[in-house]
Amino acid sequence: MGLIGKIQRVPLREVWEDEARNFTPWLKENIDVLNEVLEQEELNLYLSDVQIEQDAGDFSVDMVARDESEGIVIIENQLEKSDHDHLGKLIAYLTAKGAKNAIWIVAYPRQEHVAAINWLNESTASYFYLLKVEAVRIGNSDRAPLLTLIVGKPHEQMNGEKTEREKLLFDFWKTLLERSKDKTRLFANSAPLYQMWINTGAGKTGLNFGYVIYMHSAKVELYIDVGSKEGSQEINKRIFDTIKEAEKSIENEFGDTLEWQRLDEKRACRIMKIIEIGGYRDDKAKWTEIQDAMIDTMIHFEKALRPHIEGLKIMTQGEPMRLNGSSLATNH
């Protein structure tokens, strides 16, 4: 068997420096990338006749496309964490254009916006789709786009019935949580969900351990976000920097390298490990292997990080982080 490469995430701004000037024109010329995801997820949409920066009252829509049977489709792009402003624009543009379908492509979907899109799909006659955009490469290959459907409502979903994708996700989490009971208590109080991730508190405000499952890969992560209060971004970065001071020790304990994502342009930070052996779209016969890998990785991941989380004292803005009673100054 030949060598099997590992997917590496590339910062979006290294690929598309500006959303309006770079990403939106690129997506117009490469709309098949989006169409492939829509087809794979059986969403019964095929986009063509794509136009950019179309008037919608006093504002302009990033992209307007057409589907042969559904008519106008609104597309709003955001190369950063989802926010209330773009959610409002999505709804306003859909109304202004008389569209029935709206697609929101973001770099980091916030859980409250995932919930909002689910609510809109359950409560309105329109269909809303939320997708995550990433840039990846394998080894020294060219950078490539990766679009993942986070939430959506296919046309066959009626009367609040769950989609095939949501049912798969629920079943995946249900069996993973059952399998993890005898190995760790970390997710003992968690319940299966119809979404791509489940989180649990890490013992400090704003720190959460999480499982994430994609179509053909998975990950475990420590997500750092103390909330939207003033100065939270600086606090998040200082927490991350303090933990990262022990990177070598943590990775030695974990037994492998980790991805340390400070996300300088974003409020939150994360530490994570990608698991490439499969995802929820793989044959269910493979789920046991995937789930065991996720559980075992999380056990080692938590064990490596736990002492550094427990010793972390989250100080006020402007003060250094403290770990195990000593002060650690950051580069801020």
C-alpha atoms as a PDB file:
ATOM      1  CA  MET A   1       0.000   0.000   0.000  1.00  0.00           C
ATOM      2  CA  GLY A   2       1.305   3.458  -0.884  1.00  0.00           C
ATOM      3  CA  LEU A   3       1.728   6.271   1.578  1.00  0.00           C
ATOM      4  CA  ILE A   4      -1.481   7.818   2.892  1.00  0.00           C
ATOM      5  CA  GLY A   5      -1.266  11.551   3.422  1.00  0.00           C
ATOM      6  CA  LYS A   6      -2.751  13.547   6.271  1.00  0.00           C
ATOM      7  CA  ILE A   7      -5.134  16.432   5.750  1.00  0.00           C
ATOM      8  CA  GLN A   8      -3.755  19.716   7.055  1.00  0.00           C
ATOM      9  CA  ARG A   9      -5.921  22.764   7.691  1.00  0.00           C
ATOM     10  CA  VAL A  10      -4.725  25.997   6.069  1.00  0.00           C
ATOM     11  CA  PRO A  11      -5.729  29.443   7.429  1.00  0.00           C
ATOM     12  CA  LEU A  12      -8.529  30.757   5.234  1.00  0.00           C
ATOM     13  CA  ARG A  13      -6.928  34.178   4.862  1.00  0.00           C
ATOM     14  CA  GLU A  14      -3.895  32.552   3.261  1.00  0.00           C
ATOM     15  CA  VAL A  15      -6.176  31.316   0.486  1.00  0.00           C
ATOM     16  CA  TRP A  16      -8.794  34.071   0.245  1.00  0.00           C
ATOM     17  CA  GLU A  17      -7.435  37.290   1.710  1.00  0.00           C
ATOM     18  CA  ASP A  18     -10.764  39.113   1.482  1.00  0.00           C
ATOM     19  CA  GLU A  19     -14.269  37.682   1.424  1.00  0.00           C
ATOM     20  CA  ALA A  20     -15.747  40.179  -1.067  1.00  0.00           C
ATOM     21  CA  ARG A  21     -12.740  40.565  -3.357  1.00  0.00           C
ATOM     22  CA  ASN A  22     -11.450  36.984  -3.305  1.00  0.00           C
ATOM     23  CA  PHE A  23     -13.775  34.323  -1.878  1.00  0.00           C
ATOM     24  CA  THR A  24     -17.076  35.422  -3.424  1.00  0.00           C
ATOM     25  CA  PRO A  25     -15.679  35.761  -6.987  1.00  0.00           C
ATOM     26  CA  TRP A  26     -13.889  32.421  -6.553  1.00  0.00           C
ATOM     27  CA  LEU A  27     -17.098  30.684  -5.465  1.00  0.00           C
ATOM     28  CA  LYS A  28     -18.965  32.154  -8.427  1.00  0.00           C
ATOM     29  CA  GLU A  29     -16.413  30.639 -10.801  1.00  0.00           C
ATOM     30  CA  ASN A  30     -16.345  27.358  -8.855  1.00  0.00           C
ATOM     31  CA  ILE A  31     -20.001  26.935  -7.953  1.00  0.00           C
ATOM     32  CA  ASP A  32     -19.673  23.209  -8.698  1.00  0.00           C
ATOM     33  CA  VAL A  33     -17.794  22.865  -5.387  1.00  0.00           C
ATOM     34  CA  LEU A  34     -20.966  23.965  -3.589  1.00  0.00           C
ATOM     35  CA  ASN A  35     -23.215  21.975  -5.920  1.00  0.00           C
ATOM     36  CA  GLU A  36     -21.292  18.784  -5.121  1.00  0.00           C
ATOM     37  CA  VAL A  37     -22.015  19.239  -1.394  1.00  0.00           C
ATOM     38  CA  LEU A  38     -25.687  19.984  -2.058  1.00  0.00           C
ATOM     39  CA  GLU A  39     -25.926  16.868  -4.235  1.00  0.00           C
ATOM     40  CA  GLN A  40     -24.042  14.672  -1.762  1.00  0.00           C
ATOM     41  CA  GLU A  41     -26.370  15.733   1.040  1.00  0.00           C
ATOM     42  CA  GLU A  42     -29.406  15.090  -1.211  1.00  0.00           C
ATOM     43  CA  LEU A  43     -30.722  18.629  -0.800  1.00  0.00           C
ATOM     44  CA  ASN A  44     -32.359  18.784  -4.245  1.00  0.00           C
ATOM     45  CA  LEU A  45     -30.689  22.056  -5.201  1.00  0.00           C
ATOM     46  CA  TYR A  46     -28.497  22.720  -8.223  1.00  0.00           C
ATOM     47  CA  LEU A  47     -27.209  26.283  -8.532  1.00  0.00           C
ATOM     48  CA  SER A  48     -26.565  28.091 -11.801  1.00  0.00           C
ATOM     49  CA  ASP A  49     -26.704  31.606 -13.269  1.00  0.00           C
ATOM     50  CA  VAL A  50     -24.718  32.950 -10.320  1.00  0.00           C
ATOM     51  CA  GLN A  51     -24.509  36.726  -9.846  1.00  0.00           C
ATOM     52  CA  ILE A  52     -22.568  38.620  -7.181  1.00  0.00           C
ATOM     53  CA  GLU A  53     -23.265  41.848  -5.276  1.00  0.00           C
ATOM     54  CA  GLN A  54     -26.921  42.073  -6.288  1.00  0.00           C
ATOM     55  CA  ASP A  55     -29.040  44.935  -4.957  1.00  0.00           C
ATOM     56  CA  ALA A  56     -31.445  44.200  -2.085  1.00  0.00           C
ATOM     57  CA  GLY A  57     -32.935  47.539  -1.069  1.00  0.00           C
ATOM     58  CA  ASP A  58     -30.148  49.757   0.245  1.00  0.00           C
ATOM     59  CA  PHE A  59     -27.817  46.781   0.576  1.00  0.00           C
ATOM     60  CA  SER A  60     -26.315  44.129  -1.700  1.00  0.00           C
ATOM     61  CA  VAL A  61     -26.428  40.349  -1.517  1.00  0.00           C
ATOM     62  CA  ASP A  62     -23.091  38.511  -1.760  1.00  0.00           C
ATOM     63  CA  MET A  63     -24.461  36.033  -4.283  1.00  0.00           C
ATOM     64  CA  VAL A  64     -27.756  35.280  -5.997  1.00  0.00           C
ATOM     65  CA  ALA A  65     -28.167  32.014  -7.896  1.00  0.00           C
ATOM     66  CA  ARG A  66     -31.004  30.085  -9.467  1.00  0.00           C
ATOM     67  CA  ASP A  67     -32.266  26.559  -9.059  1.00  0.00           C
ATOM     68  CA  GLU A  68     -34.289  25.108 -11.930  1.00  0.00           C
ATOM     69  CA  SER A  69     -37.253  24.187  -9.740  1.00  0.00           C
ATOM     70  CA  GLU A  70     -36.852  26.386  -6.647  1.00  0.00           C
ATOM     71  CA  GLY A  71     -36.049  29.712  -8.300  1.00  0.00           C
ATOM     72  CA  ILE A  72     -33.846  32.307  -6.576  1.00  0.00           C
ATOM     73  CA  VAL A  73     -31.336  31.162  -3.945  1.00  0.00           C
ATOM     74  CA  ILE A  74     -29.559  33.668  -1.658  1.00  0.00           C
ATOM     75  CA  ILE A  75     -25.937  32.995  -0.637  1.00  0.00           C
ATOM     76  CA  GLU A  76     -24.224  34.969   2.145  1.00  0.00           C
ATOM     77  CA  ASN A  77     -20.496  34.403   2.760  1.00  0.00           C
ATOM     78  CA  GLN A  78     -18.572  35.064   5.959  1.00  0.00           C
ATOM     79  CA  LEU A  79     -14.902  34.090   6.349  1.00  0.00           C
ATOM     80  CA  GLU A  80     -15.096  34.329  10.129  1.00  0.00           C
ATOM     81  CA  LYS A  81     -17.239  33.241  13.033  1.00  0.00           C
ATOM     82  CA  SER A  82     -20.977  33.506  12.389  1.00  0.00           C
ATOM     83  CA  ASP A  83     -22.625  36.563  13.934  1.00  0.00           C
ATOM     84  CA  HIS A  84     -26.070  38.096  14.446  1.00  0.00           C
ATOM     85  CA  ASP A  85     -25.474  40.747  11.769  1.00  0.00           C
ATOM     86  CA  HIS A  86     -25.023  38.220   8.968  1.00  0.00           C
ATOM     87  CA  LEU A  87     -27.937  36.113  10.197  1.00  0.00           C
ATOM     88  CA  GLY A  88     -30.148  39.206  10.011  1.00  0.00           C
ATOM     89  CA  LYS A  89     -28.866  40.016   6.535  1.00  0.00           C
ATOM     90  CA  LEU A  90     -29.589  36.485   5.362  1.00  0.00           C
ATOM     91  CA  ILE A  91     -33.229  36.784   6.396  1.00  0.00           C
ATOM     92  CA  ALA A  92     -33.576  40.331   5.027  1.00  0.00           C
ATOM     93  CA  TYR A  93     -32.056  39.414   1.658  1.00  0.00           C
ATOM     94  CA  LEU A  94     -34.215  36.316   1.310  1.00  0.00           C
ATOM     95  CA  THR A  95     -37.293  38.461   1.879  1.00  0.00           C
ATOM     96  CA  ALA A  96     -36.143  41.278  -0.422  1.00  0.00           C
ATOM     97  CA  LYS A  97     -35.435  38.883  -3.278  1.00  0.00           C
ATOM     98  CA  GLY A  98     -38.545  36.753  -2.757  1.00  0.00           C
ATOM     99  CA  ALA A  99     -36.382  33.662  -2.424  1.00  0.00           C
ATOM    100  CA  LYS A 100     -37.335  30.383  -0.758  1.00  0.00           C
ATOM    101  CA  ASN A 101     -33.804  29.114  -0.084  1.00  0.00           C
ATOM    102  CA  ALA A 102     -30.883  30.808   1.668  1.00  0.00           C
ATOM    103  CA  ILE A 103     -27.335  29.486   2.097  1.00  0.00           C
ATOM    104  CA  TRP A 104     -24.964  30.873   4.751  1.00  0.00           C
ATOM    105  CA  ILE A 105     -21.290  29.892   4.370  1.00  0.00           C
ATOM    106  CA  VAL A 106     -19.117  30.652   7.409  1.00  0.00           C
ATOM    107  CA  ALA A 107     -15.670  29.797   8.750  1.00  0.00           C
ATOM    108  CA  TYR A 108     -16.820  29.093  12.325  1.00  0.00           C
ATOM    109  CA  PRO A 109     -20.529  28.356  12.994  1.00  0.00           C
ATOM    110  CA  ARG A 110     -21.555  29.400  16.518  1.00  0.00           C
ATOM    111  CA  GLN A 111     -23.916  27.039  18.318  1.00  0.00           C
ATOM    112  CA  GLU A 112     -26.560  29.738  18.839  1.00  0.00           C
ATOM    113  CA  HIS A 113     -26.684  30.317  15.081  1.00  0.00           C
ATOM    114  CA  VAL A 114     -26.924  26.583  14.391  1.00  0.00           C
ATOM    115  CA  ALA A 115     -29.927  26.598  16.730  1.00  0.00           C
ATOM    116  CA  ALA A 116     -31.356  29.674  14.984  1.00  0.00           C
ATOM    117  CA  ILE A 117     -31.112  28.078  11.533  1.00  0.00           C
ATOM    118  CA  ASN A 118     -32.777  24.924  12.869  1.00  0.00           C
ATOM    119  CA  TRP A 119     -35.570  27.067  14.319  1.00  0.00           C
ATOM    120  CA  LEU A 120     -36.066  28.935  11.031  1.00  0.00           C
ATOM    121  CA  ASN A 121     -36.330  25.635   9.175  1.00  0.00           C
ATOM    122  CA  GLU A 122     -38.923  24.360  11.624  1.00  0.00           C
ATOM    123  CA  SER A 123     -40.904  27.610  11.859  1.00  0.00           C
ATOM    124  CA  THR A 124     -40.965  29.117   8.352  1.00  0.00           C
ATOM    125  CA  ALA A 125     -41.832  28.044   4.835  1.00  0.00           C
ATOM    126  CA  SER A 126     -38.294  28.845   3.676  1.00  0.00           C
ATOM    127  CA  TYR A 127     -35.230  26.598   3.738  1.00  0.00           C
ATOM    128  CA  PHE A 128     -31.994  27.761   5.363  1.00  0.00           C
ATOM    129  CA  TYR A 129     -28.635  26.007   5.029  1.00  0.00           C
ATOM    130  CA  LEU A 130     -25.527  26.611   7.117  1.00  0.00           C
ATOM    131  CA  LEU A 131     -22.172  25.408   5.770  1.00  0.00           C
ATOM    132  CA  LYS A 132     -18.651  25.544   7.190  1.00  0.00           C
ATOM    133  CA  VAL A 133     -15.810  26.476   4.824  1.00  0.00           C
ATOM    134  CA  GLU A 134     -12.223  25.344   5.385  1.00  0.00           C
ATOM    135  CA  ALA A 135      -9.031  25.244   3.322  1.00  0.00           C
ATOM    136  CA  VAL A 136      -6.952  22.045   3.370  1.00  0.00           C
ATOM    137  CA  ARG A 137      -3.966  20.406   1.758  1.00  0.00           C
ATOM    138  CA  ILE A 138      -2.271  16.994   1.887  1.00  0.00           C
ATOM    139  CA  GLY A 139       1.490  17.178   2.198  1.00  0.00           C
ATOM    140  CA  ASN A 140       2.806  19.683  -0.349  1.00  0.00           C
ATOM    141  CA  SER A 141      -0.304  19.561  -2.513  1.00  0.00           C
ATOM    142  CA  ASP A 142      -2.213  22.620  -3.685  1.00  0.00           C
ATOM    143  CA  ARG A 143      -4.610  24.149  -1.201  1.00  0.00           C
ATOM    144  CA  ALA A 144      -8.185  22.967  -1.660  1.00  0.00           C
ATOM    145  CA  PRO A 145     -11.616  24.059  -0.382  1.00  0.00           C
ATOM    146  CA  LEU A 146     -13.627  21.914   2.021  1.00  0.00           C
ATOM    147  CA  LEU A 147     -17.315  22.688   2.491  1.00  0.00           C
ATOM    148  CA  THR A 148     -19.276  20.827   5.175  1.00  0.00           C
ATOM    149  CA  LEU A 149     -23.026  21.049   5.708  1.00  0.00           C
ATOM    150  CA  ILE A 150     -23.701  21.924   9.345  1.00  0.00           C
ATOM    151  CA  VAL A 151     -27.474  22.198   9.233  1.00  0.00           C
ATOM    152  CA  GLY A 152     -30.104  22.236   6.525  1.00  0.00           C
ATOM    153  CA  LYS A 153     -33.568  21.086   5.583  1.00  0.00           C
ATOM    154  CA  PRO A 154     -34.021  18.926   2.487  1.00  0.00           C
ATOM    155  CA  HIS A 155     -37.267  19.214   0.578  1.00  0.00           C
ATOM    156  CA  GLU A 156     -38.547  15.834   1.708  1.00  0.00           C
ATOM    157  CA  GLN A 157     -38.411  16.927   5.357  1.00  0.00           C
ATOM    158  CA  MET A 158     -41.962  17.876   6.363  1.00  0.00           C
ATOM    159  CA  ASN A 159     -43.887  18.306   9.620  1.00  0.00           C
ATOM    160  CA  GLY A 160     -40.731  18.528  11.715  1.00  0.00           C
ATOM    161  CA  GLU A 161     -39.437  15.086  10.723  1.00  0.00           C
ATOM    162  CA  LYS A 162     -35.693  14.597  11.101  1.00  0.00           C
ATOM    163  CA  THR A 163     -33.509  14.255   8.015  1.00  0.00           C
ATOM    164  CA  GLU A 164     -31.496  11.144   7.228  1.00  0.00           C
ATOM    165  CA  ARG A 165     -28.360  13.083   8.179  1.00  0.00           C
ATOM    166  CA  GLU A 166     -29.783  14.148  11.551  1.00  0.00           C
ATOM    167  CA  LYS A 167     -30.885  10.596  12.297  1.00  0.00           C
ATOM    168  CA  LEU A 168     -27.410   9.303  11.454  1.00  0.00           C
ATOM    169  CA  LEU A 169     -25.803  11.871  13.747  1.00  0.00           C
ATOM    170  CA  PHE A 170     -28.177  11.044  16.605  1.00  0.00           C
ATOM    171  CA  ASP A 171     -27.525   7.319  16.215  1.00  0.00           C
ATOM    172  CA  PHE A 172     -23.774   7.907  16.066  1.00  0.00           C
ATOM    173  CA  TRP A 173     -23.738   9.931  19.305  1.00  0.00           C
ATOM    174  CA  LYS A 174     -26.107   7.508  21.025  1.00  0.00           C
ATOM    175  CA  THR A 175     -23.830   4.543  20.415  1.00  0.00           C
ATOM    176  CA  LEU A 176     -20.639   6.526  21.133  1.00  0.00           C
ATOM    177  CA  LEU A 177     -21.972   7.688  24.517  1.00  0.00           C
ATOM    178  CA  GLU A 178     -23.046   4.149  25.379  1.00  0.00           C
ATOM    179  CA  ARG A 179     -19.620   2.781  24.461  1.00  0.00           C
ATOM    180  CA  SER A 180     -17.812   5.462  26.475  1.00  0.00           C
ATOM    181  CA  LYS A 181     -19.605   4.738  29.774  1.00  0.00           C
ATOM    182  CA  ASP A 182     -17.208   2.024  30.875  1.00  0.00           C
ATOM    183  CA  LYS A 183     -14.116   3.999  29.895  1.00  0.00           C
ATOM    184  CA  THR A 184     -14.654   7.579  31.079  1.00  0.00           C
ATOM    185  CA  ARG A 185     -17.146   9.669  33.035  1.00  0.00           C
ATOM    186  CA  LEU A 186     -16.336  12.819  31.082  1.00  0.00           C
ATOM    187  CA  PHE A 187     -19.509  12.719  28.951  1.00  0.00           C
ATOM    188  CA  ALA A 188     -21.629  10.763  31.466  1.00  0.00           C
ATOM    189  CA  ASN A 189     -24.220  13.564  31.677  1.00  0.00           C
ATOM    190  CA  SER A 190     -24.366  14.195  27.923  1.00  0.00           C
ATOM    191  CA  ALA A 191     -27.252  13.184  25.679  1.00  0.00           C
ATOM    192  CA  PRO A 192     -27.145  12.352  21.959  1.00  0.00           C
ATOM    193  CA  LEU A 193     -27.901  15.285  19.646  1.00  0.00           C
ATOM    194  CA  TYR A 194     -28.945  15.774  16.026  1.00  0.00           C
ATOM    195  CA  GLN A 195     -25.869  17.873  15.231  1.00  0.00           C
ATOM    196  CA  MET A 196     -22.201  17.390  14.429  1.00  0.00           C
ATOM    197  CA  TRP A 197     -20.754  17.970  17.895  1.00  0.00           C
ATOM    198  CA  ILE A 198     -21.309  17.406  21.594  1.00  0.00           C
ATOM    199  CA  ASN A 199     -19.537  19.346  24.340  1.00  0.00           C
ATOM    200  CA  THR A 200     -19.044  19.044  28.069  1.00  0.00           C
ATOM    201  CA  GLY A 201     -17.496  21.387  30.601  1.00  0.00           C
ATOM    202  CA  ALA A 202     -13.786  21.094  31.307  1.00  0.00           C
ATOM    203  CA  GLY A 203     -14.060  22.393  34.884  1.00  0.00           C
ATOM    204  CA  LYS A 204     -13.319  26.056  34.183  1.00  0.00           C
ATOM    205  CA  THR A 205     -15.708  28.697  32.875  1.00  0.00           C
ATOM    206  CA  GLY A 206     -15.424  29.005  29.117  1.00  0.00           C
ATOM    207  CA  LEU A 207     -13.452  25.773  28.587  1.00  0.00           C
ATOM    208  CA  ASN A 208     -15.195  22.781  27.013  1.00  0.00           C
ATOM    209  CA  PHE A 209     -14.095  19.361  25.822  1.00  0.00           C
ATOM    210  CA  GLY A 210     -15.831  18.366  22.613  1.00  0.00           C
ATOM    211  CA  TYR A 211     -16.306  15.592  20.102  1.00  0.00           C
ATOM    212  CA  VAL A 212     -16.907  16.608  16.462  1.00  0.00           C
ATOM    213  CA  ILE A 213     -17.895  14.188  13.715  1.00  0.00           C
ATOM    214  CA  TYR A 214     -17.739  14.981  10.001  1.00  0.00           C
ATOM    215  CA  MET A 215     -18.802  12.888   7.030  1.00  0.00           C
ATOM    216  CA  HIS A 216     -15.471  11.070   6.783  1.00  0.00           C
ATOM    217  CA  SER A 217     -13.347  12.273   9.708  1.00  0.00           C
ATOM    218  CA  ALA A 218     -13.663  13.296  13.349  1.00  0.00           C
ATOM    219  CA  LYS A 219     -11.857  15.275  16.042  1.00  0.00           C
ATOM    220  CA  VAL A 220     -11.601  15.891  19.759  1.00  0.00           C
ATOM    221  CA  GLU A 221     -10.969  19.400  21.018  1.00  0.00           C
ATOM    222  CA  LEU A 222     -10.649  21.780  23.918  1.00  0.00           C
ATOM    223  CA  TYR A 223     -12.629  24.889  22.988  1.00  0.00           C
ATOM    224  CA  ILE A 224     -11.742  28.125  24.784  1.00  0.00           C
ATOM    225  CA  ASP A 225     -14.338  30.897  24.814  1.00  0.00           C
ATOM    226  CA  VAL A 226     -15.301  32.737  28.006  1.00  0.00           C
ATOM    227  CA  GLY A 227     -18.179  34.499  26.225  1.00  0.00           C
ATOM    228  CA  SER A 228     -18.965  37.833  24.653  1.00  0.00           C
ATOM    229  CA  LYS A 229     -18.150  40.100  27.601  1.00  0.00           C
ATOM    230  CA  GLU A 230     -15.735  42.982  27.154  1.00  0.00           C
ATOM    231  CA  GLY A 231     -12.133  41.822  26.903  1.00  0.00           C
ATOM    232  CA  SER A 232     -13.092  38.187  26.331  1.00  0.00           C
ATOM    233  CA  GLN A 233     -10.923  37.814  23.246  1.00  0.00           C
ATOM    234  CA  GLU A 234      -7.827  38.889  25.164  1.00  0.00           C
ATOM    235  CA  ILE A 235      -8.719  36.563  28.040  1.00  0.00           C
ATOM    236  CA  ASN A 236      -9.184  33.639  25.625  1.00  0.00           C
ATOM    237  CA  LYS A 237      -5.803  34.278  24.024  1.00  0.00           C
ATOM    238  CA  ARG A 238      -4.085  34.507  27.411  1.00  0.00           C
ATOM    239  CA  ILE A 239      -5.655  31.241  28.542  1.00  0.00           C
ATOM    240  CA  PHE A 240      -4.510  29.595  25.321  1.00  0.00           C
ATOM    241  CA  ASP A 241      -0.998  31.044  25.595  1.00  0.00           C
ATOM    242  CA  THR A 242      -0.692  29.899  29.199  1.00  0.00           C
ATOM    243  CA  ILE A 243      -1.659  26.320  28.372  1.00  0.00           C
ATOM    244  CA  LYS A 244       0.582  26.362  25.298  1.00  0.00           C
ATOM    245  CA  GLU A 245       3.558  27.182  27.535  1.00  0.00           C
ATOM    246  CA  ALA A 246       3.355  23.486  28.446  1.00  0.00           C
ATOM    247  CA  GLU A 247       2.922  22.286  24.831  1.00  0.00           C
ATOM    248  CA  LYS A 248       5.885  19.898  24.903  1.00  0.00           C
ATOM    249  CA  SER A 249       4.856  18.358  28.226  1.00  0.00           C
ATOM    250  CA  ILE A 250       1.222  18.043  27.133  1.00  0.00           C
ATOM    251  CA  GLU A 251       2.089  16.379  23.826  1.00  0.00           C
ATOM    252  CA  ASN A 252       4.525  14.032  25.537  1.00  0.00           C
ATOM    253  CA  GLU A 253       1.765  12.960  27.913  1.00  0.00           C
ATOM    254  CA  PHE A 254      -0.742  12.694  25.051  1.00  0.00           C
ATOM    255  CA  GLY A 255       1.685  10.657  22.960  1.00  0.00           C
ATOM    256  CA  ASP A 256       1.327  12.630  19.724  1.00  0.00           C
ATOM    257  CA  THR A 257       1.286  16.157  18.345  1.00  0.00           C
ATOM    258  CA  LEU A 258      -1.795  18.351  18.652  1.00  0.00           C
ATOM    259  CA  GLU A 259      -3.134  21.242  16.568  1.00  0.00           C
ATOM    260  CA  TRP A 260      -2.842  24.513  18.516  1.00  0.00           C
ATOM    261  CA  GLN A 261      -5.213  27.025  16.954  1.00  0.00           C
ATOM    262  CA  ARG A 262      -4.873  30.446  18.568  1.00  0.00           C
ATOM    263  CA  LEU A 263      -7.162  31.928  15.880  1.00  0.00           C
ATOM    264  CA  ASP A 264      -5.778  35.445  16.190  1.00  0.00           C
ATOM    265  CA  GLU A 265      -8.570  37.001  14.115  1.00  0.00           C
ATOM    266  CA  LYS A 266     -11.281  35.268  16.161  1.00  0.00           C
ATOM    267  CA  ARG A 267     -12.504  35.523  19.731  1.00  0.00           C
ATOM    268  CA  ALA A 268     -12.168  31.845  20.645  1.00  0.00           C
ATOM    269  CA  CYS A 269      -9.217  29.406  20.548  1.00  0.00           C
ATOM    270  CA  ARG A 270      -8.985  25.638  20.335  1.00  0.00           C
ATOM    271  CA  ILE A 271      -6.613  22.754  20.871  1.00  0.00           C
ATOM    272  CA  MET A 272      -7.550  19.661  18.888  1.00  0.00           C
ATOM    273  CA  LYS A 273      -6.672  16.327  17.365  1.00  0.00           C
ATOM    274  CA  ILE A 274      -8.050  15.202  13.994  1.00  0.00           C
ATOM    275  CA  ILE A 275      -9.001  11.518  13.599  1.00  0.00           C
ATOM    276  CA  GLU A 276      -8.898  10.525   9.947  1.00  0.00           C
ATOM    277  CA  ILE A 277     -10.141   6.924   9.999  1.00  0.00           C
ATOM    278  CA  GLY A 278     -13.768   7.751   9.169  1.00  0.00           C
ATOM    279  CA  GLY A 279     -16.962   9.662   9.934  1.00  0.00           C
ATOM    280  CA  TYR A 280     -20.725   9.331  10.284  1.00  0.00           C
ATOM    281  CA  ARG A 281     -21.216   8.793   6.536  1.00  0.00           C
ATOM    282  CA  ASP A 282     -19.013   5.700   6.545  1.00  0.00           C
ATOM    283  CA  ASP A 283     -20.536   2.244   6.745  1.00  0.00           C
ATOM    284  CA  LYS A 284     -22.125   1.674  10.166  1.00  0.00           C
ATOM    285  CA  ALA A 285     -20.018  -1.460  10.477  1.00  0.00           C
ATOM    286  CA  LYS A 286     -17.045   0.898  10.802  1.00  0.00           C
ATOM    287  CA  TRP A 287     -18.645   3.077  13.481  1.00  0.00           C
ATOM    288  CA  THR A 288     -17.320   0.940  16.332  1.00  0.00           C
ATOM    289  CA  GLU A 289     -13.729   1.488  15.176  1.00  0.00           C
ATOM    290  CA  ILE A 290     -14.314   5.221  14.707  1.00  0.00           C
ATOM    291  CA  GLN A 291     -16.043   5.651  18.073  1.00  0.00           C
ATOM    292  CA  ASP A 292     -13.397   3.676  19.958  1.00  0.00           C
ATOM    293  CA  ALA A 293     -10.713   5.834  18.366  1.00  0.00           C
ATOM    294  CA  MET A 294     -12.567   9.003  19.380  1.00  0.00           C
ATOM    295  CA  ILE A 295     -13.138   7.805  22.955  1.00  0.00           C
ATOM    296  CA  ASP A 296      -9.559   6.609  23.450  1.00  0.00           C
ATOM    297  CA  THR A 297      -8.195   9.838  21.957  1.00  0.00           C
ATOM    298  CA  MET A 298     -10.416  11.904  24.259  1.00  0.00           C
ATOM    299  CA  ILE A 299      -9.256   9.936  27.320  1.00  0.00           C
ATOM    300  CA  HIS A 300      -5.590  10.612  26.528  1.00  0.00           C
ATOM    301  CA  PHE A 301      -6.407  14.184  25.476  1.00  0.00           C
ATOM    302  CA  GLU A 302      -8.187  14.976  28.754  1.00  0.00           C
ATOM    303  CA  LYS A 303      -5.478  13.290  30.827  1.00  0.00           C
ATOM    304  CA  ALA A 304      -2.783  15.389  29.160  1.00  0.00           C
ATOM    305  CA  LEU A 305      -4.651  18.676  29.554  1.00  0.00           C
ATOM    306  CA  ARG A 306      -6.443  18.193  32.878  1.00  0.00           C
ATOM    307  CA  PRO A 307      -3.573  19.229  35.223  1.00  0.00           C
ATOM    308  CA  HIS A 308      -3.013  22.388  33.210  1.00  0.00           C
ATOM    309  CA  ILE A 309      -6.708  23.260  33.224  1.00  0.00           C
ATOM    310  CA  GLU A 310      -7.136  22.608  36.959  1.00  0.00           C
ATOM    311  CA  GLY A 311      -4.076  24.701  37.761  1.00  0.00           C
ATOM    312  CA  LEU A 312      -5.302  27.576  35.613  1.00  0.00           C
ATOM    313  CA  LYS A 313      -6.591  30.617  37.456  1.00  0.00           C
ATOM    314  CA  ILE A 314      -8.477  32.894  35.079  1.00  0.00           C
ATOM    315  CA  MET A 315      -7.448  36.399  36.101  1.00  0.00           C
ATOM    316  CA  THR A 316      -8.958  39.739  35.213  1.00  0.00           C
ATOM    317  CA  GLN A 317      -8.137  41.604  32.019  1.00  0.00           C
ATOM    318  CA  GLY A 318      -4.572  42.908  31.935  1.00  0.00           C
ATOM    319  CA  GLU A 319      -3.218  40.501  34.556  1.00  0.00           C
ATOM    320  CA  PRO A 320      -1.095  37.460  33.696  1.00  0.00           C
ATOM    321  CA  MET A 321      -2.500  33.952  33.763  1.00  0.00           C
ATOM    322  CA  ARG A 322      -1.464  31.858  36.752  1.00  0.00           C
ATOM    323  CA  LEU A 323      -0.690  28.167  36.597  1.00  0.00           C
ATOM    324  CA  ASN A 324       0.038  26.025  39.649  1.00  0.00           C
ATOM    325  CA  GLY A 325       0.573  29.086  41.796  1.00  0.00           C
ATOM    326  CA  SER A 326       3.120  30.786  39.523  1.00  0.00           C
ATOM    327  CA  SER A 327       2.583  33.738  37.237  1.00  0.00           C
ATOM    328  CA  LEU A 328       3.157  33.247  33.533  1.00  0.00           C
ATOM    329  CA  ALA A 329       3.415  36.466  31.526  1.00  0.00           C
ATOM    330  CA  THR A 330       2.253  36.327  27.917  1.00  0.00           C
ATOM    331  CA  ASN A 331       3.449  38.226  24.897  1.00  0.00           C
ATOM    332  CA  HIS A 332       0.511  40.627  24.919  1.00  0.00           C
END
